[in-house]
Amino acid sequence: MNLGSHAGFIVGAYAFTALVIGTLIVGALLDQRAQKRALASLQGETGERRS
């Protein structure tokens, strides 16, 4: 594969994009876990469980 004289820019742009998308995915997963814990805590306080 020949990317020409702009190879560094192209590879860097793809690497940066992969880093940003990976960070967004990890952040969403961490937030999901936190929200599940908060919801479980709230459900435990009221003693009720809704479906």
PDB file of N, CA and C in Angstrom:
ATOM      1  N   MET A   1       0.855  -1.169   0.000  1.00  0.00           N
ATOM      2  CA  MET A   1       0.000   0.000   0.000  1.00  0.00           C
ATOM      3  C   MET A   1       0.904   1.235   0.000  1.00  0.00           C
ATOM      4  N   ASN A   2       0.689   2.103  -0.949  1.00  0.00           N
ATOM      5  CA  ASN A   2       1.482   3.311  -1.060  1.00  0.00           C
ATOM      6  C   ASN A   2       0.597   4.512  -0.720  1.00  0.00           C
ATOM      7  N   LEU A   3       0.881   5.157   0.389  1.00  0.00           N
ATOM      8  CA  LEU A   3       0.092   6.309   0.812  1.00  0.00           C
ATOM      9  C   LEU A   3       0.705   7.630   0.361  1.00  0.00           C
ATOM     10  N   GLY A   4       1.833   7.562  -0.231  1.00  0.00           N
ATOM     11  CA  GLY A   4       2.467   8.764  -0.749  1.00  0.00           C
ATOM     12  C   GLY A   4       3.103   9.602   0.342  1.00  0.00           C
ATOM     13  N   SER A   5       3.269  10.875   0.044  1.00  0.00           N
ATOM     14  CA  SER A   5       3.968  11.768   0.970  1.00  0.00           C
ATOM     15  C   SER A   5       3.124  12.154   2.175  1.00  0.00           C
ATOM     16  N   HIS A   6       1.862  11.831   2.156  1.00  0.00           N
ATOM     17  CA  HIS A   6       0.969  12.184   3.265  1.00  0.00           C
ATOM     18  C   HIS A   6       0.700  11.004   4.194  1.00  0.00           C
ATOM     19  N   ALA A   7       1.533   9.985   4.133  1.00  0.00           N
ATOM     20  CA  ALA A   7       1.312   8.768   4.916  1.00  0.00           C
ATOM     21  C   ALA A   7       1.243   9.061   6.410  1.00  0.00           C
ATOM     22  N   GLY A   8       2.123   9.902   6.899  1.00  0.00           N
ATOM     23  CA  GLY A   8       2.138  10.224   8.332  1.00  0.00           C
ATOM     24  C   GLY A   8       0.837  10.869   8.778  1.00  0.00           C
ATOM     25  N   PHE A   9       0.332  11.789   7.972  1.00  0.00           N
ATOM     26  CA  PHE A   9      -0.928  12.457   8.306  1.00  0.00           C
ATOM     27  C   PHE A   9      -2.094  11.481   8.290  1.00  0.00           C
ATOM     28  N   ILE A  10      -2.134  10.631   7.282  1.00  0.00           N
ATOM     29  CA  ILE A  10      -3.238   9.678   7.141  1.00  0.00           C
ATOM     30  C   ILE A  10      -3.244   8.695   8.313  1.00  0.00           C
ATOM     31  N   VAL A  11      -2.093   8.115   8.605  1.00  0.00           N
ATOM     32  CA  VAL A  11      -2.001   7.157   9.709  1.00  0.00           C
ATOM     33  C   VAL A  11      -2.304   7.849  11.036  1.00  0.00           C
ATOM     34  N   GLY A  12      -1.795   9.055  11.225  1.00  0.00           N
ATOM     35  CA  GLY A  12      -2.065   9.800  12.451  1.00  0.00           C
ATOM     36  C   GLY A  12      -3.535  10.119  12.623  1.00  0.00           C
ATOM     37  N   ALA A  13      -4.201  10.496  11.543  1.00  0.00           N
ATOM     38  CA  ALA A  13      -5.625  10.813  11.609  1.00  0.00           C
ATOM     39  C   ALA A  13      -6.438   9.575  11.978  1.00  0.00           C
ATOM     40  N   TYR A  14      -6.118   8.441  11.377  1.00  0.00           N
ATOM     41  CA  TYR A  14      -6.826   7.213  11.724  1.00  0.00           C
ATOM     42  C   TYR A  14      -6.541   6.811  13.174  1.00  0.00           C
ATOM     43  N   ALA A  15      -5.322   6.940  13.622  1.00  0.00           N
ATOM     44  CA  ALA A  15      -4.969   6.586  15.006  1.00  0.00           C
ATOM     45  C   ALA A  15      -5.702   7.493  15.997  1.00  0.00           C
ATOM     46  N   PHE A  16      -5.744   8.783  15.709  1.00  0.00           N
ATOM     47  CA  PHE A  16      -6.441   9.722  16.589  1.00  0.00           C
ATOM     48  C   PHE A  16      -7.936   9.417  16.630  1.00  0.00           C
ATOM     49  N   THR A  17      -8.515   9.115  15.493  1.00  0.00           N
ATOM     50  CA  THR A  17      -9.933   8.780  15.431  1.00  0.00           C
ATOM     51  C   THR A  17     -10.226   7.519  16.229  1.00  0.00           C
ATOM     52  N   ALA A  18      -9.383   6.508  16.096  1.00  0.00           N
ATOM     53  CA  ALA A  18      -9.560   5.271  16.859  1.00  0.00           C
ATOM     54  C   ALA A  18      -9.451   5.538  18.359  1.00  0.00           C
ATOM     55  N   LEU A  19      -8.535   6.401  18.753  1.00  0.00           N
ATOM     56  CA  LEU A  19      -8.368   6.761  20.160  1.00  0.00           C
ATOM     57  C   LEU A  19      -9.616   7.464  20.695  1.00  0.00           C
ATOM     58  N   VAL A  20     -10.145   8.406  19.942  1.00  0.00           N
ATOM     59  CA  VAL A  20     -11.334   9.141  20.373  1.00  0.00           C
ATOM     60  C   VAL A  20     -12.536   8.214  20.482  1.00  0.00           C
ATOM     61  N   ILE A  21     -12.745   7.377  19.497  1.00  0.00           N
ATOM     62  CA  ILE A  21     -13.883   6.454  19.524  1.00  0.00           C
ATOM     63  C   ILE A  21     -13.730   5.457  20.675  1.00  0.00           C
ATOM     64  N   GLY A  22     -12.537   4.953  20.884  1.00  0.00           N
ATOM     65  CA  GLY A  22     -12.292   4.043  22.001  1.00  0.00           C
ATOM     66  C   GLY A  22     -12.564   4.702  23.343  1.00  0.00           C
ATOM     67  N   THR A  23     -12.152   5.959  23.488  1.00  0.00           N
ATOM     68  CA  THR A  23     -12.399   6.708  24.721  1.00  0.00           C
ATOM     69  C   THR A  23     -13.891   6.909  24.944  1.00  0.00           C
ATOM     70  N   LEU A  24     -14.628   7.222  23.893  1.00  0.00           N
ATOM     71  CA  LEU A  24     -16.077   7.389  24.018  1.00  0.00           C
ATOM     72  C   LEU A  24     -16.757   6.085  24.428  1.00  0.00           C
ATOM     73  N   ILE A  25     -16.320   4.972  23.873  1.00  0.00           N
ATOM     74  CA  ILE A  25     -16.906   3.676  24.220  1.00  0.00           C
ATOM     75  C   ILE A  25     -16.633   3.338  25.682  1.00  0.00           C
ATOM     76  N   VAL A  26     -15.392   3.519  26.120  1.00  0.00           N
ATOM     77  CA  VAL A  26     -15.039   3.228  27.515  1.00  0.00           C
ATOM     78  C   VAL A  26     -15.826   4.139  28.456  1.00  0.00           C
ATOM     79  N   GLY A  27     -15.942   5.409  28.110  1.00  0.00           N
ATOM     80  CA  GLY A  27     -16.713   6.335  28.941  1.00  0.00           C
ATOM     81  C   GLY A  27     -18.171   5.937  29.046  1.00  0.00           C
ATOM     82  N   ALA A  28     -18.753   5.504  27.942  1.00  0.00           N
ATOM     83  CA  ALA A  28     -20.156   5.072  27.955  1.00  0.00           C
ATOM     84  C   ALA A  28     -20.334   3.821  28.807  1.00  0.00           C
ATOM     85  N   LEU A  29     -19.403   2.888  28.726  1.00  0.00           N
ATOM     86  CA  LEU A  29     -19.504   1.676  29.534  1.00  0.00           C
ATOM     87  C   LEU A  29     -19.354   1.974  31.022  1.00  0.00           C
ATOM     88  N   LEU A  30     -18.438   2.860  31.369  1.00  0.00           N
ATOM     89  CA  LEU A  30     -18.276   3.243  32.771  1.00  0.00           C
ATOM     90  C   LEU A  30     -19.510   3.964  33.289  1.00  0.00           C
ATOM     91  N   ASP A  31     -20.096   4.827  32.471  1.00  0.00           N
ATOM     92  CA  ASP A  31     -21.307   5.535  32.875  1.00  0.00           C
ATOM     93  C   ASP A  31     -22.469   4.559  33.041  1.00  0.00           C
ATOM     94  N   GLN A  32     -22.564   3.569  32.173  1.00  0.00           N
ATOM     95  CA  GLN A  32     -23.618   2.570  32.286  1.00  0.00           C
ATOM     96  C   GLN A  32     -23.511   1.832  33.614  1.00  0.00           C
ATOM     97  N   ARG A  33     -22.307   1.444  33.987  1.00  0.00           N
ATOM     98  CA  ARG A  33     -22.116   0.755  35.260  1.00  0.00           C
ATOM     99  C   ARG A  33     -22.514   1.642  36.430  1.00  0.00           C
ATOM    100  N   ALA A  34     -22.139   2.910  36.377  1.00  0.00           N
ATOM    101  CA  ALA A  34     -22.480   3.839  37.452  1.00  0.00           C
ATOM    102  C   ALA A  34     -23.987   4.040  37.546  1.00  0.00           C
ATOM    103  N   GLN A  35     -24.658   4.147  36.408  1.00  0.00           N
ATOM    104  CA  GLN A  35     -26.106   4.334  36.411  1.00  0.00           C
ATOM    105  C   GLN A  35     -26.821   3.096  36.946  1.00  0.00           C
ATOM    106  N   LYS A  36     -26.325   1.916  36.611  1.00  0.00           N
ATOM    107  CA  LYS A  36     -26.924   0.686  37.134  1.00  0.00           C
ATOM    108  C   LYS A  36     -26.769   0.610  38.648  1.00  0.00           C
ATOM    109  N   ARG A  37     -25.602   0.991  39.162  1.00  0.00           N
ATOM    110  CA  ARG A  37     -25.390   0.989  40.610  1.00  0.00           C
ATOM    111  C   ARG A  37     -26.306   1.997  41.288  1.00  0.00           C
ATOM    112  N   ALA A  38     -26.430   3.185  40.701  1.00  0.00           N
ATOM    113  CA  ALA A  38     -27.299   4.211  41.284  1.00  0.00           C
ATOM    114  C   ALA A  38     -28.750   3.755  41.283  1.00  0.00           C
ATOM    115  N   LEU A  39     -29.188   3.133  40.207  1.00  0.00           N
ATOM    116  CA  LEU A  39     -30.565   2.645  40.126  1.00  0.00           C
ATOM    117  C   LEU A  39     -30.810   1.537  41.144  1.00  0.00           C
ATOM    118  N   ALA A  40     -29.864   0.623  41.276  1.00  0.00           N
ATOM    119  CA  ALA A  40     -30.002  -0.449  42.259  1.00  0.00           C
ATOM    120  C   ALA A  40     -30.052   0.122  43.668  1.00  0.00           C
ATOM    121  N   SER A  41     -29.259   1.138  43.929  1.00  0.00           N
ATOM    122  CA  SER A  41     -29.266   1.784  45.236  1.00  0.00           C
ATOM    123  C   SER A  41     -30.615   2.436  45.513  1.00  0.00           C
ATOM    124  N   LEU A  42     -31.161   3.124  44.534  1.00  0.00           N
ATOM    125  CA  LEU A  42     -32.461   3.769  44.712  1.00  0.00           C
ATOM    126  C   LEU A  42     -33.566   2.744  44.890  1.00  0.00           C
ATOM    127  N   GLN A  43     -33.503   1.657  44.158  1.00  0.00           N
ATOM    128  CA  GLN A  43     -34.519   0.618  44.289  1.00  0.00           C
ATOM    129  C   GLN A  43     -34.420  -0.056  45.651  1.00  0.00           C
ATOM    130  N   GLY A  44     -33.227  -0.182  46.175  1.00  0.00           N
ATOM    131  CA  GLY A  44     -33.042  -0.784  47.483  1.00  0.00           C
ATOM    132  C   GLY A  44     -33.563   0.092  48.603  1.00  0.00           C
ATOM    133  N   GLU A  45     -33.501   1.416  48.435  1.00  0.00           N
ATOM    134  CA  GLU A  45     -33.982   2.342  49.461  1.00  0.00           C
ATOM    135  C   GLU A  45     -35.490   2.305  49.587  1.00  0.00           C
ATOM    136  N   THR A  46     -36.189   2.161  48.482  1.00  0.00           N
ATOM    137  CA  THR A  46     -37.647   2.197  48.515  1.00  0.00           C
ATOM    138  C   THR A  46     -38.238   0.834  48.817  1.00  0.00           C
ATOM    139  N   GLY A  47     -37.500  -0.224  48.596  1.00  0.00           N
ATOM    140  CA  GLY A  47     -38.008  -1.546  48.825  1.00  0.00           C
ATOM    141  C   GLY A  47     -38.917  -2.040  47.725  1.00  0.00           C
ATOM    142  N   GLU A  48     -39.109  -1.236  46.699  1.00  0.00           N
ATOM    143  CA  GLU A  48     -39.956  -1.607  45.585  1.00  0.00           C
ATOM    144  C   GLU A  48     -39.093  -1.970  44.387  1.00  0.00           C
ATOM    145  N   ARG A  49     -39.693  -2.743  43.514  1.00  0.00           N
ATOM    146  CA  ARG A  49     -38.998  -3.045  42.272  1.00  0.00           C
ATOM    147  C   ARG A  49     -40.015  -3.026  41.161  1.00  0.00           C
ATOM    148  N   ARG A  50     -39.778  -2.177  40.202  1.00  0.00           N
ATOM    149  CA  ARG A  50     -40.660  -2.089  39.048  1.00  0.00           C
ATOM    150  C   ARG A  50     -40.038  -2.788  37.865  1.00  0.00           C
ATOM    151  N   SER A  51     -40.868  -3.319  37.036  1.00  0.00           N
ATOM    152  CA  SER A  51     -40.369  -3.995  35.836  1.00  0.00           C
ATOM    153  C   SER A  51     -40.420  -3.058  34.661  1.00  0.00           C
TER     154      SER A  51
END
